[in-house]
Amino acid sequence: MAYDQILIGIDGSEQSLNGARQAIELAAAVNGCIHAVYVIDTRREYDNDIIDPDVIRSDLASVGEDALARIESAAIEHDVSFRTSIHEGKPATVLLQYADRNDIDAIFVGSHGRDAGRSLERALLGSTTDALLRQSSVPVTVCPPK
């Protein structure tokens, strides 16, 4: 199997950035292209009177832009072709749909995301990672923290 198109699920966590580093190294070795995707998780509840949901979305978009800029820099440093994008939705669903639409050959994600530790389920494996492992039609590489 060729790894021409490699999707990296990014959330700004150390685990996802470690996954990005590993995906970039693979892409450099096989002359592949990386697709770094950050998903603003719309499942979260921002319905309160204290913080405006638009402010939270804007803050999350800034986190995504910063994380994607780091990946872009690393890809350039390794002479790897890349695409970056920010989407909104349920992270696993968005990543799986992106993989299908873009003929992705492999997916790299962190073992836990930014919300690790919020629930017992995430203590074992991140919920997005778990969903990708169960539903993906392409290989999924799960990367621990560095």
N, C-alpha and C. Protein backbone atom coordinates (compact mmCIF):
# COMPACT_ATOMS: atom_id res chain seq x y z
N MET A 1 0.84 -1.18 0.00
CA MET A 1 0.00 0.00 0.00
C MET A 1 0.88 1.25 0.00
N ALA A 2 0.56 2.17 -0.85
CA ALA A 2 1.29 3.44 -0.91
C ALA A 2 0.70 4.41 0.10
N TYR A 3 1.54 5.24 0.64
CA TYR A 3 1.10 6.28 1.58
C TYR A 3 1.32 7.64 0.94
N ASP A 4 0.60 7.88 -0.15
CA ASP A 4 0.74 9.14 -0.87
C ASP A 4 0.04 10.29 -0.16
N GLN A 5 -1.11 10.01 0.42
CA GLN A 5 -1.93 11.04 1.07
C GLN A 5 -2.12 10.65 2.53
N ILE A 6 -1.57 11.45 3.44
CA ILE A 6 -1.60 11.14 4.87
C ILE A 6 -2.36 12.23 5.61
N LEU A 7 -3.41 11.83 6.31
CA LEU A 7 -4.23 12.76 7.08
C LEU A 7 -3.73 12.80 8.53
N ILE A 8 -3.58 14.01 9.05
CA ILE A 8 -3.20 14.20 10.44
C ILE A 8 -4.35 14.93 11.14
N GLY A 9 -4.92 14.29 12.15
CA GLY A 9 -5.94 14.94 12.96
C GLY A 9 -5.26 15.75 14.04
N ILE A 10 -5.48 17.05 14.04
CA ILE A 10 -4.78 17.97 14.93
C ILE A 10 -5.76 18.62 15.89
N ASP A 11 -5.39 18.68 17.17
CA ASP A 11 -6.19 19.45 18.13
C ASP A 11 -5.31 20.37 18.98
N GLY A 12 -4.04 20.43 18.66
CA GLY A 12 -3.12 21.28 19.40
C GLY A 12 -2.47 20.61 20.59
N SER A 13 -2.90 19.39 20.92
CA SER A 13 -2.31 18.67 22.05
C SER A 13 -0.92 18.16 21.68
N GLU A 14 -0.13 17.86 22.69
CA GLU A 14 1.21 17.31 22.45
C GLU A 14 1.13 15.99 21.69
N GLN A 15 0.11 15.17 22.00
CA GLN A 15 -0.05 13.89 21.31
C GLN A 15 -0.31 14.10 19.82
N SER A 16 -1.18 15.04 19.48
CA SER A 16 -1.46 15.25 18.06
C SER A 16 -0.26 15.85 17.34
N LEU A 17 0.48 16.72 18.02
CA LEU A 17 1.68 17.28 17.39
C LEU A 17 2.77 16.23 17.22
N ASN A 18 2.85 15.29 18.15
CA ASN A 18 3.78 14.17 17.98
C ASN A 18 3.36 13.31 16.79
N GLY A 19 2.06 13.08 16.66
CA GLY A 19 1.56 12.35 15.49
C GLY A 19 1.89 13.06 14.20
N ALA A 20 1.80 14.39 14.22
CA ALA A 20 2.14 15.17 13.03
C ALA A 20 3.60 15.00 12.67
N ARG A 21 4.47 15.04 13.68
CA ARG A 21 5.91 14.86 13.42
C ARG A 21 6.17 13.50 12.76
N GLN A 22 5.53 12.46 13.28
CA GLN A 22 5.74 11.13 12.72
C GLN A 22 5.17 11.03 11.31
N ALA A 23 4.02 11.64 11.07
CA ALA A 23 3.43 11.62 9.73
C ALA A 23 4.30 12.37 8.74
N ILE A 24 4.87 13.48 9.16
CA ILE A 24 5.75 14.26 8.29
C ILE A 24 7.00 13.46 7.94
N GLU A 25 7.55 12.76 8.91
CA GLU A 25 8.73 11.92 8.64
C GLU A 25 8.39 10.82 7.64
N LEU A 26 7.22 10.20 7.78
CA LEU A 26 6.80 9.17 6.82
C LEU A 26 6.61 9.79 5.44
N ALA A 27 5.92 10.92 5.39
CA ALA A 27 5.67 11.58 4.10
C ALA A 27 6.98 11.95 3.42
N ALA A 28 7.96 12.40 4.18
CA ALA A 28 9.26 12.75 3.61
C ALA A 28 9.93 11.51 3.02
N ALA A 29 9.79 10.38 3.70
CA ALA A 29 10.44 9.14 3.25
C ALA A 29 9.80 8.57 1.99
N VAL A 30 8.49 8.78 1.82
CA VAL A 30 7.78 8.17 0.69
C VAL A 30 7.32 9.20 -0.34
N ASN A 31 7.77 10.45 -0.16
CA ASN A 31 7.37 11.53 -1.05
C ASN A 31 5.85 11.71 -1.08
N GLY A 32 5.26 11.66 0.11
CA GLY A 32 3.81 11.81 0.23
C GLY A 32 3.41 13.23 0.56
N CYS A 33 2.12 13.44 0.64
CA CYS A 33 1.53 14.73 0.96
C CYS A 33 0.76 14.59 2.27
N ILE A 34 0.94 15.54 3.18
CA ILE A 34 0.16 15.50 4.41
C ILE A 34 -1.03 16.46 4.32
N HIS A 35 -2.09 16.06 4.97
CA HIS A 35 -3.29 16.87 5.10
C HIS A 35 -3.51 17.07 6.60
N ALA A 36 -3.20 18.24 7.11
CA ALA A 36 -3.38 18.52 8.54
C ALA A 36 -4.74 19.18 8.72
N VAL A 37 -5.59 18.53 9.52
CA VAL A 37 -6.96 19.01 9.70
C VAL A 37 -7.24 19.25 11.18
N TYR A 38 -7.71 20.45 11.48
CA TYR A 38 -8.13 20.82 12.83
C TYR A 38 -9.65 20.94 12.81
N VAL A 39 -10.31 20.32 13.79
CA VAL A 39 -11.77 20.35 13.84
C VAL A 39 -12.21 21.09 15.11
N ILE A 40 -12.99 22.13 14.91
CA ILE A 40 -13.63 22.81 16.04
C ILE A 40 -14.81 21.94 16.44
N ASP A 41 -14.74 21.38 17.62
CA ASP A 41 -15.73 20.40 18.09
C ASP A 41 -17.03 21.11 18.44
N THR A 42 -18.06 20.90 17.62
CA THR A 42 -19.35 21.54 17.85
C THR A 42 -20.23 20.75 18.82
N ARG A 43 -19.73 19.61 19.31
CA ARG A 43 -20.51 18.83 20.29
C ARG A 43 -20.47 19.48 21.66
N ARG A 44 -19.49 20.29 21.90
CA ARG A 44 -19.35 20.91 23.21
C ARG A 44 -20.49 21.88 23.46
N GLU A 45 -20.84 22.02 24.69
CA GLU A 45 -21.92 22.93 25.04
C GLU A 45 -21.35 24.26 25.48
N TYR A 46 -21.66 25.28 24.73
CA TYR A 46 -21.20 26.62 25.04
C TYR A 46 -22.36 27.51 25.46
N ASP A 47 -23.45 26.88 25.82
CA ASP A 47 -24.67 27.61 26.12
C ASP A 47 -24.64 28.08 27.57
N ASN A 48 -24.07 29.23 27.77
CA ASN A 48 -24.11 29.83 29.10
C ASN A 48 -24.11 31.34 28.97
N ASP A 49 -24.38 31.98 30.08
CA ASP A 49 -24.48 33.44 30.06
C ASP A 49 -23.15 34.13 30.32
N ILE A 50 -22.12 33.35 30.57
CA ILE A 50 -20.84 33.94 30.95
C ILE A 50 -19.97 34.23 29.73
N ILE A 51 -19.88 33.27 28.82
CA ILE A 51 -18.99 33.41 27.66
C ILE A 51 -19.80 33.29 26.37
N ASP A 52 -19.60 34.20 25.48
CA ASP A 52 -20.26 34.19 24.18
C ASP A 52 -19.73 33.02 23.35
N PRO A 53 -20.62 32.17 22.81
CA PRO A 53 -20.16 31.03 21.99
C PRO A 53 -19.29 31.44 20.81
N ASP A 54 -19.54 32.61 20.25
CA ASP A 54 -18.72 33.07 19.12
C ASP A 54 -17.29 33.37 19.57
N VAL A 55 -17.14 33.84 20.79
CA VAL A 55 -15.80 34.10 21.34
C VAL A 55 -15.06 32.77 21.52
N ILE A 56 -15.77 31.77 22.02
CA ILE A 56 -15.15 30.45 22.20
C ILE A 56 -14.74 29.87 20.86
N ARG A 57 -15.63 29.95 19.86
CA ARG A 57 -15.29 29.44 18.53
C ARG A 57 -14.06 30.16 17.97
N SER A 58 -14.02 31.45 18.16
CA SER A 58 -12.88 32.23 17.68
C SER A 58 -11.60 31.80 18.38
N ASP A 59 -11.68 31.58 19.70
CA ASP A 59 -10.51 31.12 20.45
C ASP A 59 -10.06 29.75 19.96
N LEU A 60 -11.02 28.84 19.73
CA LEU A 60 -10.67 27.51 19.24
C LEU A 60 -10.06 27.58 17.84
N ALA A 61 -10.58 28.46 17.00
CA ALA A 61 -10.00 28.64 15.66
C ALA A 61 -8.56 29.13 15.77
N SER A 62 -8.29 30.01 16.74
CA SER A 62 -6.92 30.50 16.94
C SER A 62 -5.98 29.37 17.36
N VAL A 63 -6.47 28.49 18.24
CA VAL A 63 -5.68 27.32 18.64
C VAL A 63 -5.36 26.48 17.40
N GLY A 64 -6.36 26.28 16.55
CA GLY A 64 -6.16 25.51 15.33
C GLY A 64 -5.17 26.16 14.38
N GLU A 65 -5.30 27.45 14.20
CA GLU A 65 -4.37 28.17 13.32
C GLU A 65 -2.94 28.05 13.82
N ASP A 66 -2.75 28.18 15.13
CA ASP A 66 -1.40 28.06 15.70
C ASP A 66 -0.83 26.66 15.50
N ALA A 67 -1.65 25.65 15.76
CA ALA A 67 -1.18 24.26 15.60
C ALA A 67 -0.87 23.97 14.14
N LEU A 68 -1.72 24.42 13.24
CA LEU A 68 -1.49 24.18 11.81
C LEU A 68 -0.26 24.93 11.31
N ALA A 69 0.00 26.10 11.86
CA ALA A 69 1.21 26.85 11.47
C ALA A 69 2.47 26.08 11.87
N ARG A 70 2.44 25.44 13.03
CA ARG A 70 3.59 24.63 13.46
C ARG A 70 3.80 23.45 12.51
N ILE A 71 2.72 22.84 12.08
CA ILE A 71 2.83 21.70 11.17
C ILE A 71 3.31 22.17 9.80
N GLU A 72 2.78 23.28 9.35
CA GLU A 72 3.22 23.84 8.07
C GLU A 72 4.73 24.10 8.09
N SER A 73 5.21 24.67 9.16
CA SER A 73 6.64 24.95 9.29
C SER A 73 7.46 23.67 9.25
N ALA A 74 7.01 22.64 9.97
CA ALA A 74 7.73 21.36 9.98
C ALA A 74 7.70 20.71 8.60
N ALA A 75 6.57 20.80 7.91
CA ALA A 75 6.47 20.21 6.57
C ALA A 75 7.43 20.91 5.60
N ILE A 76 7.49 22.22 5.68
CA ILE A 76 8.41 22.97 4.82
C ILE A 76 9.85 22.57 5.13
N GLU A 77 10.16 22.46 6.42
CA GLU A 77 11.51 22.09 6.84
C GLU A 77 11.92 20.72 6.29
N HIS A 78 10.95 19.81 6.17
CA HIS A 78 11.22 18.46 5.67
C HIS A 78 10.93 18.31 4.17
N ASP A 79 10.61 19.44 3.51
CA ASP A 79 10.32 19.44 2.08
C ASP A 79 9.17 18.49 1.74
N VAL A 80 8.10 18.57 2.53
CA VAL A 80 6.92 17.72 2.36
C VAL A 80 5.76 18.57 1.87
N SER A 81 5.05 18.08 0.86
CA SER A 81 3.84 18.76 0.39
C SER A 81 2.79 18.70 1.48
N PHE A 82 1.98 19.75 1.59
CA PHE A 82 0.99 19.76 2.66
C PHE A 82 -0.23 20.57 2.28
N ARG A 83 -1.31 20.27 2.97
CA ARG A 83 -2.55 21.04 2.94
C ARG A 83 -3.00 21.18 4.38
N THR A 84 -3.53 22.32 4.72
CA THR A 84 -4.08 22.51 6.06
C THR A 84 -5.50 23.05 5.93
N SER A 85 -6.34 22.68 6.89
CA SER A 85 -7.71 23.21 6.89
C SER A 85 -8.32 23.11 8.27
N ILE A 86 -9.29 23.99 8.50
CA ILE A 86 -10.05 24.00 9.74
C ILE A 86 -11.51 23.75 9.39
N HIS A 87 -12.13 22.85 10.14
CA HIS A 87 -13.53 22.49 9.93
C HIS A 87 -14.27 22.57 11.25
N GLU A 88 -15.60 22.52 11.20
CA GLU A 88 -16.41 22.44 12.41
C GLU A 88 -17.25 21.18 12.35
N GLY A 89 -17.46 20.56 13.51
CA GLY A 89 -18.29 19.37 13.58
C GLY A 89 -17.78 18.41 14.63
N LYS A 90 -18.24 17.18 14.54
CA LYS A 90 -17.77 16.12 15.43
C LYS A 90 -16.44 15.64 14.86
N PRO A 91 -15.34 15.72 15.60
CA PRO A 91 -14.02 15.46 15.03
C PRO A 91 -13.89 14.14 14.27
N ALA A 92 -14.32 13.04 14.84
CA ALA A 92 -14.17 11.75 14.15
C ALA A 92 -14.94 11.74 12.83
N THR A 93 -16.15 12.25 12.85
CA THR A 93 -16.97 12.28 11.63
C THR A 93 -16.33 13.15 10.56
N VAL A 94 -15.87 14.33 10.95
CA VAL A 94 -15.23 15.24 9.99
C VAL A 94 -13.97 14.59 9.40
N LEU A 95 -13.14 13.99 10.24
CA LEU A 95 -11.90 13.37 9.75
C LEU A 95 -12.19 12.20 8.82
N LEU A 96 -13.18 11.37 9.15
CA LEU A 96 -13.52 10.23 8.29
C LEU A 96 -14.07 10.72 6.95
N GLN A 97 -14.92 11.73 6.97
CA GLN A 97 -15.45 12.28 5.71
C GLN A 97 -14.33 12.90 4.88
N TYR A 98 -13.43 13.62 5.52
CA TYR A 98 -12.30 14.22 4.82
C TYR A 98 -11.45 13.12 4.18
N ALA A 99 -11.20 12.05 4.92
CA ALA A 99 -10.40 10.94 4.39
C ALA A 99 -11.04 10.35 3.15
N ASP A 100 -12.35 10.16 3.18
CA ASP A 100 -13.06 9.59 2.02
C ASP A 100 -13.02 10.54 0.82
N ARG A 101 -13.25 11.81 1.05
CA ARG A 101 -13.29 12.79 -0.04
C ARG A 101 -11.93 13.05 -0.68
N ASN A 102 -10.86 12.81 0.06
CA ASN A 102 -9.52 13.17 -0.42
C ASN A 102 -8.62 11.97 -0.67
N ASP A 103 -9.20 10.79 -0.79
CA ASP A 103 -8.44 9.56 -1.08
C ASP A 103 -7.23 9.40 -0.15
N ILE A 104 -7.47 9.57 1.13
CA ILE A 104 -6.42 9.45 2.14
C ILE A 104 -6.01 7.99 2.28
N ASP A 105 -4.70 7.75 2.41
CA ASP A 105 -4.16 6.39 2.53
C ASP A 105 -3.91 5.98 3.98
N ALA A 106 -3.74 6.94 4.87
CA ALA A 106 -3.48 6.63 6.29
C ALA A 106 -3.83 7.85 7.12
N ILE A 107 -4.20 7.59 8.38
CA ILE A 107 -4.55 8.65 9.32
C ILE A 107 -3.62 8.56 10.52
N PHE A 108 -3.10 9.70 10.95
CA PHE A 108 -2.27 9.78 12.16
C PHE A 108 -3.00 10.66 13.17
N VAL A 109 -3.12 10.16 14.40
CA VAL A 109 -3.75 10.93 15.47
C VAL A 109 -3.03 10.67 16.79
N GLY A 110 -3.25 11.53 17.75
CA GLY A 110 -2.73 11.32 19.09
C GLY A 110 -3.60 10.34 19.85
N SER A 111 -3.02 9.72 20.86
CA SER A 111 -3.78 8.76 21.66
C SER A 111 -4.87 9.44 22.46
N HIS A 112 -4.63 10.66 22.88
CA HIS A 112 -5.60 11.45 23.62
C HIS A 112 -5.51 12.88 23.13
N GLY A 113 -6.64 13.56 23.15
CA GLY A 113 -6.64 14.95 22.71
C GLY A 113 -6.56 15.92 23.86
N ARG A 114 -6.92 17.14 23.58
CA ARG A 114 -6.86 18.21 24.57
C ARG A 114 -7.78 17.97 25.75
N ASP A 115 -8.84 17.18 25.56
CA ASP A 115 -9.80 16.95 26.64
C ASP A 115 -9.53 15.68 27.41
N ALA A 116 -8.36 15.09 27.26
CA ALA A 116 -8.05 13.84 27.96
C ALA A 116 -8.27 14.03 29.46
N GLY A 117 -8.85 13.01 30.05
CA GLY A 117 -9.07 13.06 31.48
C GLY A 117 -10.44 13.57 31.88
N ARG A 118 -11.24 14.01 30.92
CA ARG A 118 -12.57 14.51 31.28
C ARG A 118 -13.54 13.39 31.61
N SER A 119 -13.23 12.16 31.18
CA SER A 119 -14.14 11.06 31.47
C SER A 119 -13.36 9.76 31.55
N LEU A 120 -13.99 8.74 32.10
CA LEU A 120 -13.36 7.43 32.20
C LEU A 120 -13.05 6.88 30.82
N GLU A 121 -13.95 7.08 29.86
CA GLU A 121 -13.73 6.60 28.50
C GLU A 121 -12.41 7.13 27.96
N ARG A 122 -12.13 8.39 28.19
CA ARG A 122 -10.92 9.00 27.66
C ARG A 122 -9.69 8.61 28.44
N ALA A 123 -9.87 8.02 29.61
CA ALA A 123 -8.72 7.57 30.38
C ALA A 123 -8.04 6.41 29.67
N LEU A 124 -8.78 5.64 28.90
CA LEU A 124 -8.22 4.50 28.18
C LEU A 124 -7.75 4.89 26.79
N LEU A 125 -8.55 5.61 26.06
CA LEU A 125 -8.21 6.04 24.71
C LEU A 125 -9.13 7.20 24.38
N GLY A 126 -8.63 8.21 23.72
CA GLY A 126 -9.46 9.35 23.37
C GLY A 126 -10.67 8.94 22.55
N SER A 127 -11.78 9.62 22.74
CA SER A 127 -13.02 9.23 22.06
C SER A 127 -12.91 9.39 20.54
N THR A 128 -12.24 10.42 20.07
CA THR A 128 -12.06 10.60 18.62
C THR A 128 -11.18 9.49 18.07
N THR A 129 -10.09 9.20 18.76
CA THR A 129 -9.19 8.13 18.34
C THR A 129 -9.91 6.80 18.31
N ASP A 130 -10.68 6.52 19.35
CA ASP A 130 -11.44 5.28 19.42
C ASP A 130 -12.40 5.16 18.24
N ALA A 131 -13.12 6.22 17.92
CA ALA A 131 -14.06 6.20 16.80
C ALA A 131 -13.33 5.99 15.47
N LEU A 132 -12.18 6.64 15.30
CA LEU A 132 -11.42 6.46 14.06
C LEU A 132 -10.96 5.01 13.91
N LEU A 133 -10.46 4.43 15.00
CA LEU A 133 -10.00 3.03 14.94
C LEU A 133 -11.14 2.09 14.58
N ARG A 134 -12.32 2.37 15.05
CA ARG A 134 -13.47 1.49 14.80
C ARG A 134 -14.09 1.69 13.41
N GLN A 135 -14.00 2.90 12.87
CA GLN A 135 -14.76 3.20 11.66
C GLN A 135 -13.93 3.46 10.41
N SER A 136 -12.65 3.66 10.53
CA SER A 136 -11.83 4.03 9.38
C SER A 136 -11.64 2.85 8.43
N SER A 137 -11.66 3.16 7.14
CA SER A 137 -11.39 2.14 6.12
C SER A 137 -9.91 2.14 5.71
N VAL A 138 -9.12 3.04 6.30
CA VAL A 138 -7.68 3.09 6.03
C VAL A 138 -6.93 2.92 7.35
N PRO A 139 -5.65 2.56 7.30
CA PRO A 139 -4.89 2.39 8.54
C PRO A 139 -4.85 3.67 9.38
N VAL A 140 -4.95 3.48 10.70
CA VAL A 140 -4.88 4.59 11.65
C VAL A 140 -3.67 4.35 12.55
N THR A 141 -2.77 5.31 12.60
CA THR A 141 -1.62 5.24 13.50
C THR A 141 -1.90 6.13 14.70
N VAL A 142 -1.83 5.54 15.89
CA VAL A 142 -2.10 6.27 17.13
C VAL A 142 -0.77 6.58 17.79
N CYS A 143 -0.51 7.86 18.02
CA CYS A 143 0.78 8.30 18.55
C CYS A 143 0.65 8.77 19.99
N PRO A 144 1.49 8.22 20.87
CA PRO A 144 1.49 8.67 22.27
C PRO A 144 2.24 10.00 22.37
N PRO A 145 2.22 10.60 23.57
CA PRO A 145 3.02 11.82 23.72
C PRO A 145 4.49 11.49 23.52
N LYS A 146 5.25 12.47 23.16
CA LYS A 146 6.68 12.27 22.88
C LYS A 146 7.40 11.73 24.08
